[in-house]
Amino acid sequence: MSDKCSTPISVQEWYQLLHDTAALLEAPKHHHRELLHQAYALRDAHVVDANTLAEMLELADEALAHAHDVHAEQEWSSGDRV
């Protein structure tokens, strides 16, 4: 169980993860889940406060929405319309 209690990534690393477009587009749900997990870990470690956590969660949600928009646009462009 000690492995799950490892030190969270830094805030700077979280923002780098947020901006990793390739990983986001490859696996949007997984990437979003990792962003949420790391944001909560930073809060639990008292690295960020509740307001910063809320901003991070909103950014993670916006990234997921962006990935879905990109995928929908790619499907539309390729003719795979529903």
Protein backbone atom coordinates (compact mmCIF):
# COMPACT_ATOMS: atom_id res chain seq x y z
CA MET A 1 0.00 0.00 0.00
CA SER A 2 2.95 2.34 0.44
CA ASP A 3 3.39 2.48 -3.35
CA LYS A 4 0.01 4.22 -3.66
CA CYS A 5 1.09 6.86 -1.13
CA SER A 6 4.03 8.08 -3.18
CA THR A 7 4.78 11.77 -3.52
CA PRO A 8 2.56 13.48 -6.11
CA ILE A 9 4.03 15.15 -9.14
CA SER A 10 4.84 18.86 -8.86
CA VAL A 11 2.42 21.55 -9.96
CA GLN A 12 4.74 22.34 -12.87
CA GLU A 13 4.70 18.66 -13.90
CA TRP A 14 0.90 18.67 -13.66
CA TYR A 15 0.73 21.56 -16.12
CA GLN A 16 3.16 19.75 -18.42
CA LEU A 17 0.86 16.73 -18.28
CA LEU A 18 -2.10 19.00 -19.05
CA HIS A 19 -0.34 20.30 -22.16
CA ASP A 20 0.71 16.84 -23.41
CA THR A 21 -1.59 16.96 -26.43
CA ALA A 22 -0.30 13.73 -27.94
CA ALA A 23 -1.14 11.72 -24.81
CA LEU A 24 -4.47 13.51 -24.46
CA LEU A 25 -5.55 12.70 -28.01
CA GLU A 26 -4.26 9.12 -27.83
CA ALA A 27 -6.21 8.20 -24.68
CA PRO A 28 -8.50 11.08 -23.61
CA LYS A 29 -10.30 9.31 -20.75
CA HIS A 30 -7.10 7.86 -19.30
CA HIS A 31 -5.31 11.21 -19.57
CA HIS A 32 -8.23 13.02 -17.92
CA ARG A 33 -8.34 10.47 -15.10
CA GLU A 34 -4.59 10.91 -14.52
CA LEU A 35 -4.96 14.71 -14.43
CA LEU A 36 -7.74 14.39 -11.84
CA HIS A 37 -5.80 11.86 -9.77
CA GLN A 38 -2.68 14.02 -9.69
CA ALA A 39 -4.64 17.20 -8.92
CA TYR A 40 -6.30 15.56 -5.92
CA ALA A 41 -2.94 14.16 -4.81
CA LEU A 42 -1.50 17.68 -4.86
CA ARG A 43 -4.44 18.89 -2.77
CA ASP A 44 -4.08 16.00 -0.33
CA ALA A 45 -0.37 16.83 0.06
CA HIS A 46 -1.35 20.47 0.80
CA VAL A 47 0.58 21.67 -2.24
CA VAL A 48 -2.48 23.42 -3.70
CA ASP A 49 -5.50 24.95 -2.01
CA ALA A 50 -9.18 24.36 -2.78
CA ASN A 51 -9.36 27.23 -5.30
CA THR A 52 -6.34 26.00 -7.21
CA LEU A 53 -7.72 22.46 -7.16
CA ALA A 54 -11.00 23.73 -8.62
CA GLU A 55 -9.10 25.51 -11.41
CA MET A 56 -7.06 22.37 -12.13
CA LEU A 57 -10.18 20.22 -12.31
CA GLU A 58 -11.82 22.70 -14.67
CA LEU A 59 -8.74 22.71 -16.91
CA ALA A 60 -8.71 18.91 -16.95
CA ASP A 61 -12.38 18.87 -17.96
CA GLU A 62 -11.71 21.43 -20.70
CA ALA A 63 -8.84 19.30 -22.00
CA LEU A 64 -11.11 16.25 -22.18
CA ALA A 65 -13.78 18.27 -24.01
CA HIS A 66 -11.12 19.52 -26.44
CA ALA A 67 -9.98 15.96 -27.16
CA HIS A 68 -13.56 14.90 -27.85
CA ASP A 69 -14.01 17.89 -30.17
CA VAL A 70 -10.83 17.01 -32.08
CA HIS A 71 -11.92 13.38 -32.45
CA ALA A 72 -15.38 14.44 -33.63
CA GLU A 73 -13.84 16.82 -36.15
CA GLN A 74 -11.52 14.08 -37.43
CA GLU A 75 -14.45 11.70 -37.83
CA TRP A 76 -16.41 14.38 -39.67
CA SER A 77 -13.46 15.15 -41.97
CA SER A 78 -12.84 11.49 -42.75
CA GLY A 79 -16.48 10.93 -43.66
CA ASP A 80 -17.30 8.69 -40.69
CA ARG A 81 -20.47 10.61 -39.96
CA VAL A 82 -23.05 9.08 -37.68
